[in-house]
């Protein structure tokens, strides 16, 4: 993954990101005064990790081992965990793994009962929603702190939770006219 100075239009740093980085669905959250970014890796890699970066210093903090490829990490300032969905063709696809934001270790794996897609926290961070598609046919709701299942919402083939309250960082590419001037 590259950090780019948009004003100067140049790469200022390259960061280790795992075998097949997928940071478009990444998450960022402030932990103990540091802004941490969490990026995932698609596919079958020899070493499956979630990359953690200090976004203020643009440094790798840790590569957290997880049980498979991952797609969409969910983080919230009021929740103690970063939730990641596991991409797999086997039963691991029914799981999400929870990474403790302070220790940066996987502390729990939850089987949601169907293919787990795009976990997301409620706007206030009290609840974690996970879609359980492909034979699960429901959205599963967990308490963000205890990780106890507190509700299920029947739904035909849910394919992700996308909340408007998610922390976002904006990236901006160059327009075609700017590209001409950058050469």
Foldseek 3Di string as FASTA:
>chain_A
DFDADVVVGGTDDDADAFDAKAQPQWAWEADPNFIKIWIWHDDADPFGFIWIARVVVRYTPDTEGDDAGWHHWEDDHPFQWIKTQHDDPDQSQQWIWTAGPPVRYTDDIDRNQARWAAWYADLVRQWIWTDHFDRRQWIWIAGRHVRHTDDIGGHHGDHYDDDPNGDDDDDDDDDPVVVVVVD
